[in-house]
C-alpha cells in the first residue's frame, strides 16, 4: 500500500515536484517506502570527512555525504550531495 497524502496531492496539482528528505536510520521506522514522492534525499555520512563513504541502505536520488563542508565566501558549513542514479535535476 502506498500513501501520498493531501499535501503531496496539493503540491502536484499546483505543478510542483515533491521530495522526501529522510535520515537513513529513520527510513523504515516511518515506513517511508510507502510515500510516493518524485525523489528521495537521504543524508548519510560516517566520519563527515568530505569523502563519500557509506552509501544509504535504501535507493535514493540524492545522497548527502557531508554537512560540514567549507566554501569560500559562505560563512556557514554547507551540505555536499551526490546523485547516485540516472535521474536528472529537472
PDB file of N, CA and C in Angstrom:
ATOM      1  N   UNK A   1       0.835  -1.174   0.000  1.00  0.00           N
ATOM      2  CA  UNK A   1       0.000   0.000   0.000  1.00  0.00           C
ATOM      3  C   UNK A   1       0.886   1.245   0.000  1.00  0.00           C
ATOM      4  N   UNK A   2       0.574   2.189  -0.841  1.00  0.00           N
ATOM      5  CA  UNK A   2       1.330   3.435  -0.865  1.00  0.00           C
ATOM      6  C   UNK A   2       0.469   4.563  -0.335  1.00  0.00           C
ATOM      7  N   UNK A   3       1.124   5.568   0.142  1.00  0.00           N
ATOM      8  CA  UNK A   3       0.416   6.714   0.704  1.00  0.00           C
ATOM      9  C   UNK A   3       1.006   7.981   0.119  1.00  0.00           C
ATOM     10  N   UNK A   4       0.179   8.854  -0.350  1.00  0.00           N
ATOM     11  CA  UNK A   4       0.641  10.146  -0.833  1.00  0.00           C
ATOM     12  C   UNK A   4       0.213  11.248   0.108  1.00  0.00           C
ATOM     13  N   UNK A   5      -0.990  11.229   0.563  1.00  0.00           N
ATOM     14  CA  UNK A   5      -1.461  12.243   1.482  1.00  0.00           C
ATOM     15  C   UNK A   5      -1.853  13.513   0.770  1.00  0.00           C
ATOM     16  N   UNK A   6      -2.659  14.317   1.426  1.00  0.00           N
ATOM     17  CA  UNK A   6      -3.182  15.531   0.797  1.00  0.00           C
ATOM     18  C   UNK A   6      -2.102  16.551   0.462  1.00  0.00           C
ATOM     19  N   UNK A   7      -1.049  16.656   1.269  1.00  0.00           N
ATOM     20  CA  UNK A   7      -0.009  17.636   0.987  1.00  0.00           C
ATOM     21  C   UNK A   7       0.649  17.369  -0.363  1.00  0.00           C
ATOM     22  N   UNK A   8       1.026  16.124  -0.602  1.00  0.00           N
ATOM     23  CA  UNK A   8       1.656  15.763  -1.869  1.00  0.00           C
ATOM     24  C   UNK A   8       0.695  15.984  -3.025  1.00  0.00           C
ATOM     25  N   UNK A   9      -0.555  15.601  -2.860  1.00  0.00           N
ATOM     26  CA  UNK A   9      -1.550  15.792  -3.921  1.00  0.00           C
ATOM     27  C   UNK A   9      -1.715  17.267  -4.266  1.00  0.00           C
ATOM     28  N   UNK A  10      -1.811  18.124  -3.253  1.00  0.00           N
ATOM     29  CA  UNK A  10      -1.993  19.560  -3.482  1.00  0.00           C
ATOM     30  C   UNK A  10      -0.767  20.145  -4.193  1.00  0.00           C
ATOM     31  N   UNK A  11       0.420  19.785  -3.763  1.00  0.00           N
ATOM     32  CA  UNK A  11       1.636  20.288  -4.407  1.00  0.00           C
ATOM     33  C   UNK A  11       1.695  19.869  -5.874  1.00  0.00           C
ATOM     34  N   UNK A  12       1.386  18.633  -6.149  1.00  0.00           N
ATOM     35  CA  UNK A  12       1.414  18.159  -7.539  1.00  0.00           C
ATOM     36  C   UNK A  12       0.360  18.846  -8.391  1.00  0.00           C
ATOM     37  N   UNK A  13      -0.825  19.076  -7.837  1.00  0.00           N
ATOM     38  CA  UNK A  13      -1.871  19.787  -8.579  1.00  0.00           C
ATOM     39  C   UNK A  13      -1.412  21.193  -8.954  1.00  0.00           C
ATOM     40  N   UNK A  14      -0.552  21.783  -8.126  1.00  0.00           N
ATOM     41  CA  UNK A  14      -0.028  23.120  -8.399  1.00  0.00           C
ATOM     42  C   UNK A  14       1.199  23.088  -9.310  1.00  0.00           C
ATOM     43  N   UNK A  15       1.628  21.882  -9.708  1.00  0.00           N
ATOM     44  CA  UNK A  15       2.744  21.751 -10.639  1.00  0.00           C
ATOM     45  C   UNK A  15       4.116  21.593 -10.000  1.00  0.00           C
ATOM     46  N   UNK A  16       4.164  21.387  -8.694  1.00  0.00           N
ATOM     47  CA  UNK A  16       5.440  21.227  -8.005  1.00  0.00           C
ATOM     48  C   UNK A  16       5.837  19.768  -7.911  1.00  0.00           C
ATOM     49  N   UNK A  17       7.135  19.518  -7.885  1.00  0.00           N
ATOM     50  CA  UNK A  17       7.645  18.186  -7.585  1.00  0.00           C
ATOM     51  C   UNK A  17       7.790  18.076  -6.074  1.00  0.00           C
ATOM     52  N   UNK A  18       7.610  16.891  -5.574  1.00  0.00           N
ATOM     53  CA  UNK A  18       7.644  16.658  -4.135  1.00  0.00           C
ATOM     54  C   UNK A  18       8.718  15.622  -3.820  1.00  0.00           C
ATOM     55  N   UNK A  19       9.567  15.953  -2.860  1.00  0.00           N
ATOM     56  CA  UNK A  19      10.612  15.022  -2.472  1.00  0.00           C
ATOM     57  C   UNK A  19      10.540  14.681  -1.003  1.00  0.00           C
ATOM     58  N   UNK A  20      11.277  13.644  -0.648  1.00  0.00           N
ATOM     59  CA  UNK A  20      11.401  13.233   0.751  1.00  0.00           C
ATOM     60  C   UNK A  20      12.845  13.406   1.152  1.00  0.00           C
ATOM     61  N   UNK A  21      13.049  13.947   2.320  1.00  0.00           N
ATOM     62  CA  UNK A  21      14.377  14.053   2.926  1.00  0.00           C
ATOM     63  C   UNK A  21      14.272  13.281   4.227  1.00  0.00           C
ATOM     64  N   UNK A  22      14.974  12.167   4.315  1.00  0.00           N
ATOM     65  CA  UNK A  22      14.832  11.317   5.495  1.00  0.00           C
ATOM     66  C   UNK A  22      16.175  10.714   5.876  1.00  0.00           C
ATOM     67  N   UNK A  23      16.445  10.685   7.164  1.00  0.00           N
ATOM     68  CA  UNK A  23      17.667  10.048   7.657  1.00  0.00           C
ATOM     69  C   UNK A  23      17.651   8.564   7.341  1.00  0.00           C
ATOM     70  N   UNK A  24      18.804   8.037   7.029  1.00  0.00           N
ATOM     71  CA  UNK A  24      18.931   6.616   6.711  1.00  0.00           C
ATOM     72  C   UNK A  24      18.352   5.747   7.830  1.00  0.00           C
ATOM     73  N   UNK A  25      18.624   6.108   9.074  1.00  0.00           N
ATOM     74  CA  UNK A  25      18.183   5.275  10.201  1.00  0.00           C
ATOM     75  C   UNK A  25      16.681   5.396  10.498  1.00  0.00           C
ATOM     76  N   UNK A  26      15.986   6.387   9.922  1.00  0.00           N
ATOM     77  CA  UNK A  26      14.545   6.544  10.164  1.00  0.00           C
ATOM     78  C   UNK A  26      13.674   6.051   9.002  1.00  0.00           C
ATOM     79  N   UNK A  27      14.282   5.700   7.900  1.00  0.00           N
ATOM     80  CA  UNK A  27      13.551   5.323   6.696  1.00  0.00           C
ATOM     81  C   UNK A  27      12.503   4.237   6.971  1.00  0.00           C
ATOM     82  N   UNK A  28      12.927   3.124   7.534  1.00  0.00           N
ATOM     83  CA  UNK A  28      11.987   2.022   7.822  1.00  0.00           C
ATOM     84  C   UNK A  28      11.070   2.339   8.997  1.00  0.00           C
ATOM     85  N   UNK A  29      11.594   3.025   9.993  1.00  0.00           N
ATOM     86  CA  UNK A  29      10.809   3.322  11.189  1.00  0.00           C
ATOM     87  C   UNK A  29       9.512   4.056  10.846  1.00  0.00           C
ATOM     88  N   UNK A  30       9.579   4.951   9.868  1.00  0.00           N
ATOM     89  CA  UNK A  30       8.400   5.717   9.480  1.00  0.00           C
ATOM     90  C   UNK A  30       7.749   5.208   8.201  1.00  0.00           C
ATOM     91  N   UNK A  31       8.146   4.012   7.754  1.00  0.00           N
ATOM     92  CA  UNK A  31       7.531   3.367   6.589  1.00  0.00           C
ATOM     93  C   UNK A  31       7.545   4.281   5.358  1.00  0.00           C
ATOM     94  N   UNK A  32       8.644   4.967   5.141  1.00  0.00           N
ATOM     95  CA  UNK A  32       8.704   5.975   4.086  1.00  0.00           C
ATOM     96  C   UNK A  32       8.769   5.391   2.681  1.00  0.00           C
ATOM     97  N   UNK A  33       9.025   4.110   2.557  1.00  0.00           N
ATOM     98  CA  UNK A  33       8.977   3.498   1.235  1.00  0.00           C
ATOM     99  C   UNK A  33       7.562   3.515   0.666  1.00  0.00           C
ATOM    100  N   UNK A  34       6.568   3.757   1.508  1.00  0.00           N
ATOM    101  CA  UNK A  34       5.178   3.767   1.041  1.00  0.00           C
ATOM    102  C   UNK A  34       4.721   5.155   0.576  1.00  0.00           C
ATOM    103  N   UNK A  35       5.532   6.181   0.794  1.00  0.00           N
ATOM    104  CA  UNK A  35       5.166   7.533   0.366  1.00  0.00           C
ATOM    105  C   UNK A  35       5.672   7.741  -1.055  1.00  0.00           C
ATOM    106  N   UNK A  36       4.784   8.042  -1.957  1.00  0.00           N
ATOM    107  CA  UNK A  36       5.153   8.211  -3.360  1.00  0.00           C
ATOM    108  C   UNK A  36       5.541   9.658  -3.637  1.00  0.00           C
ATOM    109  N   UNK A  37       6.828   9.917  -3.666  1.00  0.00           N
ATOM    110  CA  UNK A  37       7.340  11.252  -3.949  1.00  0.00           C
ATOM    111  C   UNK A  37       8.127  11.198  -5.260  1.00  0.00           C
ATOM    112  N   UNK A  38       8.470  12.371  -5.778  1.00  0.00           N
ATOM    113  CA  UNK A  38       9.201  12.435  -7.036  1.00  0.00           C
ATOM    114  C   UNK A  38      10.681  12.118  -6.868  1.00  0.00           C
ATOM    115  N   UNK A  39      11.209  12.341  -5.678  1.00  0.00           N
ATOM    116  CA  UNK A  39      12.604  11.999  -5.410  1.00  0.00           C
ATOM    117  C   UNK A  39      12.783  11.773  -3.914  1.00  0.00           C
ATOM    118  N   UNK A  40      13.855  11.053  -3.583  1.00  0.00           N
ATOM    119  CA  UNK A  40      14.201  10.837  -2.180  1.00  0.00           C
ATOM    120  C   UNK A  40      15.642  11.296  -1.952  1.00  0.00           C
ATOM    121  N   UNK A  41      15.833  11.998  -0.856  1.00  0.00           N
ATOM    122  CA  UNK A  41      17.124  12.575  -0.495  1.00  0.00           C
ATOM    123  C   UNK A  41      17.482  12.006   0.870  1.00  0.00           C
ATOM    124  N   UNK A  42      18.580  11.254   0.946  1.00  0.00           N
ATOM    125  CA  UNK A  42      18.986  10.629   2.203  1.00  0.00           C
ATOM    126  C   UNK A  42      20.366  11.136   2.619  1.00  0.00           C
ATOM    127  N   UNK A  43      20.447  11.806   3.773  1.00  0.00           N
ATOM    128  CA  UNK A  43      21.758  12.142   4.311  1.00  0.00           C
ATOM    129  C   UNK A  43      22.344  10.936   5.046  1.00  0.00           C
ATOM    130  N   UNK A  44      23.574  10.602   4.703  1.00  0.00           N
ATOM    131  CA  UNK A  44      24.270   9.545   5.440  1.00  0.00           C
ATOM    132  C   UNK A  44      25.763   9.780   5.320  1.00  0.00           C
ATOM    133  N   UNK A  45      26.375  10.076   6.448  1.00  0.00           N
ATOM    134  CA  UNK A  45      27.813  10.282   6.490  1.00  0.00           C
ATOM    135  C   UNK A  45      28.343   9.624   7.742  1.00  0.00           C
ATOM    136  N   UNK A  46      29.484   9.022   7.608  1.00  0.00           N
ATOM    137  CA  UNK A  46      30.095   8.337   8.744  1.00  0.00           C
ATOM    138  C   UNK A  46      31.016   9.303   9.484  1.00  0.00           C
ATOM    139  N   UNK A  47      32.171   9.575   8.933  1.00  0.00           N
ATOM    140  CA  UNK A  47      33.143  10.416   9.617  1.00  0.00           C
ATOM    141  C   UNK A  47      33.036  11.877   9.192  1.00  0.00           C
ATOM    142  N   UNK A  48      32.151  12.200   8.244  1.00  0.00           N
ATOM    143  CA  UNK A  48      31.966  13.575   7.771  1.00  0.00           C
ATOM    144  C   UNK A  48      33.293  14.160   7.301  1.00  0.00           C
ATOM    145  N   UNK A  49      34.060  13.362   6.557  1.00  0.00           N
ATOM    146  CA  UNK A  49      35.407  13.743   6.145  1.00  0.00           C
ATOM    147  C   UNK A  49      35.446  14.474   4.812  1.00  0.00           C
ATOM    148  N   UNK A  50      34.325  14.565   4.122  1.00  0.00           N
ATOM    149  CA  UNK A  50      34.311  15.175   2.802  1.00  0.00           C
ATOM    150  C   UNK A  50      34.470  14.157   1.698  1.00  0.00           C
ATOM    151  N   UNK A  51      34.693  12.910   2.054  1.00  0.00           N
ATOM    152  CA  UNK A  51      34.829  11.829   1.081  1.00  0.00           C
ATOM    153  C   UNK A  51      33.617  10.919   1.231  1.00  0.00           C
ATOM    154  N   UNK A  52      32.887  10.653   0.132  1.00  0.00           N
ATOM    155  CA  UNK A  52      31.743   9.729   0.239  1.00  0.00           C
ATOM    156  C   UNK A  52      32.212   8.381   0.784  1.00  0.00           C
ATOM    157  N   UNK A  53      31.525   7.893   1.810  1.00  0.00           N
ATOM    158  CA  UNK A  53      31.953   6.654   2.443  1.00  0.00           C
ATOM    159  C   UNK A  53      30.869   5.587   2.367  1.00  0.00           C
ATOM    160  N   UNK A  54      29.952   5.576   3.304  1.00  0.00           N
ATOM    161  CA  UNK A  54      28.945   4.524   3.374  1.00  0.00           C
ATOM    162  C   UNK A  54      27.656   5.023   2.735  1.00  0.00           C
ATOM    163  N   UNK A  55      27.269   4.373   1.638  1.00  0.00           N
ATOM    164  CA  UNK A  55      26.055   4.773   0.932  1.00  0.00           C
ATOM    165  C   UNK A  55      24.822   4.484   1.787  1.00  0.00           C
ATOM    166  N   UNK A  56      23.721   5.182   1.499  1.00  0.00           N
ATOM    167  CA  UNK A  56      22.465   4.865   2.189  1.00  0.00           C
ATOM    168  C   UNK A  56      22.060   3.407   1.940  1.00  0.00           C
ATOM    169  N   UNK A  57      21.326   2.859   2.870  1.00  0.00           N
ATOM    170  CA  UNK A  57      20.849   1.483   2.758  1.00  0.00           C
ATOM    171  C   UNK A  57      19.671   1.349   1.798  1.00  0.00           C
ATOM    172  N   UNK A  58      19.124   2.471   1.361  1.00  0.00           N
ATOM    173  CA  UNK A  58      17.904   2.460   0.558  1.00  0.00           C
ATOM    174  C   UNK A  58      18.143   3.199  -0.752  1.00  0.00           C
ATOM    175  N   UNK A  59      17.398   2.853  -1.797  1.00  0.00           N
ATOM    176  CA  UNK A  59      17.549   3.578  -3.053  1.00  0.00           C
ATOM    177  C   UNK A  59      17.219   5.059  -2.847  1.00  0.00           C
ATOM    178  N   UNK A  60      18.022   5.914  -3.447  1.00  0.00           N
ATOM    179  CA  UNK A  60      17.755   7.346  -3.322  1.00  0.00           C
ATOM    180  C   UNK A  60      18.195   8.069  -4.586  1.00  0.00           C
ATOM    181  N   UNK A  61      17.686   9.267  -4.749  1.00  0.00           N
ATOM    182  CA  UNK A  61      18.028  10.101  -5.891  1.00  0.00           C
ATOM    183  C   UNK A  61      19.107  11.115  -5.533  1.00  0.00           C
ATOM    184  N   UNK A  62      19.195  11.481  -4.255  1.00  0.00           N
ATOM    185  CA  UNK A  62      20.218  12.401  -3.774  1.00  0.00           C
ATOM    186  C   UNK A  62      20.790  11.822  -2.478  1.00  0.00           C
ATOM    187  N   UNK A  63      22.113  11.747  -2.426  1.00  0.00           N
ATOM    188  CA  UNK A  63      22.796  11.257  -1.229  1.00  0.00           C
ATOM    189  C   UNK A  63      23.661  12.397  -0.684  1.00  0.00           C
ATOM    190  N   UNK A  64      23.294  12.889   0.488  1.00  0.00           N
ATOM    191  CA  UNK A  64      24.094  13.899   1.169  1.00  0.00           C
ATOM    192  C   UNK A  64      25.172  13.173   1.961  1.00  0.00           C
ATOM    193  N   UNK A  65      26.443  13.386   1.588  1.00  0.00           N
ATOM    194  CA  UNK A  65      27.507  12.636   2.250  1.00  0.00           C
ATOM    195  C   UNK A  65      28.356  13.472   3.204  1.00  0.00           C
ATOM    196  N   UNK A  66      28.070  14.773   3.324  1.00  0.00           N
ATOM    197  CA  UNK A  66      28.751  15.614   4.311  1.00  0.00           C
ATOM    198  C   UNK A  66      27.868  16.825   4.596  1.00  0.00           C
ATOM    199  N   UNK A  67      27.929  17.317   5.813  1.00  0.00           N
ATOM    200  CA  UNK A  67      27.176  18.531   6.149  1.00  0.00           C
ATOM    201  C   UNK A  67      28.070  19.595   6.795  1.00  0.00           C
ATOM    202  N   UNK A  68      29.375  19.407   6.685  1.00  0.00           N
ATOM    203  CA  UNK A  68      30.301  20.353   7.310  1.00  0.00           C
ATOM    204  C   UNK A  68      31.355  20.868   6.329  1.00  0.00           C
ATOM    205  N   UNK A  69      31.034  20.911   5.056  1.00  0.00           N
ATOM    206  CA  UNK A  69      31.989  21.387   4.043  1.00  0.00           C
ATOM    207  C   UNK A  69      32.158  22.901   4.153  1.00  0.00           C
ATOM    208  N   UNK A  70      33.357  23.362   3.960  1.00  0.00           N
ATOM    209  CA  UNK A  70      33.661  24.793   3.960  1.00  0.00           C
ATOM    210  C   UNK A  70      33.677  25.265   2.510  1.00  0.00           C
ATOM    211  N   UNK A  71      33.128  26.444   2.263  1.00  0.00           N
ATOM    212  CA  UNK A  71      33.089  27.001   0.919  1.00  0.00           C
ATOM    213  C   UNK A  71      33.461  28.473   0.996  1.00  0.00           C
ATOM    214  N   UNK A  72      34.380  28.886   0.140  1.00  0.00           N
ATOM    215  CA  UNK A  72      34.833  30.279   0.127  1.00  0.00           C
ATOM    216  C   UNK A  72      33.646  31.220  -0.044  1.00  0.00           C
ATOM    217  N   UNK A  73      33.578  32.225   0.804  1.00  0.00           N
ATOM    218  CA  UNK A  73      32.531  33.224   0.703  1.00  0.00           C
ATOM    219  C   UNK A  73      31.232  32.859   1.401  1.00  0.00           C
ATOM    220  N   UNK A  74      31.144  31.642   1.923  1.00  0.00           N
ATOM    221  CA  UNK A  74      29.943  31.206   2.634  1.00  0.00           C
ATOM    222  C   UNK A  74      30.305  31.088   4.117  1.00  0.00           C
ATOM    223  N   UNK A  75      29.633  31.833   4.989  1.00  0.00           N
ATOM    224  CA  UNK A  75      30.046  31.884   6.389  1.00  0.00           C
ATOM    225  C   UNK A  75      29.653  30.671   7.239  1.00  0.00           C
ATOM    226  N   UNK A  76      28.880  29.754   6.689  1.00  0.00           N
ATOM    227  CA  UNK A  76      28.452  28.575   7.453  1.00  0.00           C
ATOM    228  C   UNK A  76      28.830  27.306   6.700  1.00  0.00           C
ATOM    229  N   UNK A  77      28.824  26.177   7.404  1.00  0.00           N
ATOM    230  CA  UNK A  77      29.072  24.889   6.758  1.00  0.00           C
ATOM    231  C   UNK A  77      27.967  24.590   5.752  1.00  0.00           C
ATOM    232  N   UNK A  78      28.317  23.873   4.687  1.00  0.00           N
ATOM    233  CA  UNK A  78      27.336  23.517   3.670  1.00  0.00           C
ATOM    234  C   UNK A  78      27.271  22.007   3.491  1.00  0.00           C
ATOM    235  N   UNK A  79      26.140  21.535   2.952  1.00  0.00           N
ATOM    236  CA  UNK A  79      25.952  20.132   2.616  1.00  0.00           C
ATOM    237  C   UNK A  79      26.539  19.874   1.229  1.00  0.00           C
ATOM    238  N   UNK A  80      27.075  18.674   1.025  1.00  0.00           N
ATOM    239  CA  UNK A  80      27.523  18.244  -0.295  1.00  0.00           C
ATOM    240  C   UNK A  80      26.779  16.951  -0.606  1.00  0.00           C
ATOM    241  N   UNK A  81      26.294  16.861  -1.837  1.00  0.00           N
ATOM    242  CA  UNK A  81      25.451  15.740  -2.238  1.00  0.00           C
ATOM    243  C   UNK A  81      25.956  15.102  -3.524  1.00  0.00           C
ATOM    244  N   UNK A  82      25.566  13.864  -3.729  1.00  0.00           N
ATOM    245  CA  UNK A  82      25.781  13.137  -4.981  1.00  0.00           C
ATOM    246  C   UNK A  82      24.423  12.722  -5.520  1.00  0.00           C
ATOM    247  N   UNK A  83      24.357  12.531  -6.819  1.00  0.00           N
ATOM    248  CA  UNK A  83      23.151  11.965  -7.426  1.00  0.00           C
ATOM    249  C   UNK A  83      23.538  10.572  -7.902  1.00  0.00           C
ATOM    250  N   UNK A  84      23.273   9.528  -7.092  1.00  0.00           N
ATOM    251  CA  UNK A  84      23.727   8.179  -7.389  1.00  0.00           C
ATOM    252  C   UNK A  84      22.787   7.382  -8.286  1.00  0.00           C
ATOM    253  N   UNK A  85      22.142   8.063  -9.230  1.00  0.00           N
ATOM    254  CA  UNK A  85      21.186   7.378 -10.109  1.00  0.00           C
ATOM    255  C   UNK A  85      21.177   8.096 -11.452  1.00  0.00           C
ATOM    256  N   UNK A  86      20.314   7.661 -12.344  1.00  0.00           N
ATOM    257  CA  UNK A  86      20.223   8.254 -13.670  1.00  0.00           C
ATOM    258  C   UNK A  86      19.255   9.418 -13.746  1.00  0.00           C
ATOM    259  N   UNK A  87      18.618   9.761 -12.662  1.00  0.00           N
ATOM    260  CA  UNK A  87      17.639  10.844 -12.650  1.00  0.00           C
ATOM    261  C   UNK A  87      18.340  12.185 -12.864  1.00  0.00           C
ATOM    262  N   UNK A  88      17.701  13.079 -13.609  1.00  0.00           N
ATOM    263  CA  UNK A  88      18.267  14.405 -13.827  1.00  0.00           C
ATOM    264  C   UNK A  88      17.721  15.369 -12.777  1.00  0.00           C
ATOM    265  N   UNK A  89      18.332  16.537 -12.691  1.00  0.00           N
ATOM    266  CA  UNK A  89      17.871  17.536 -11.740  1.00  0.00           C
ATOM    267  C   UNK A  89      16.504  18.109 -12.101  1.00  0.00           C
ATOM    268  N   UNK A  90      16.110  18.027 -13.338  1.00  0.00           N
ATOM    269  CA  UNK A  90      14.796  18.532 -13.719  1.00  0.00           C
ATOM    270  C   UNK A  90      13.713  17.692 -13.084  1.00  0.00           C
TER     271      UNK A  90
END
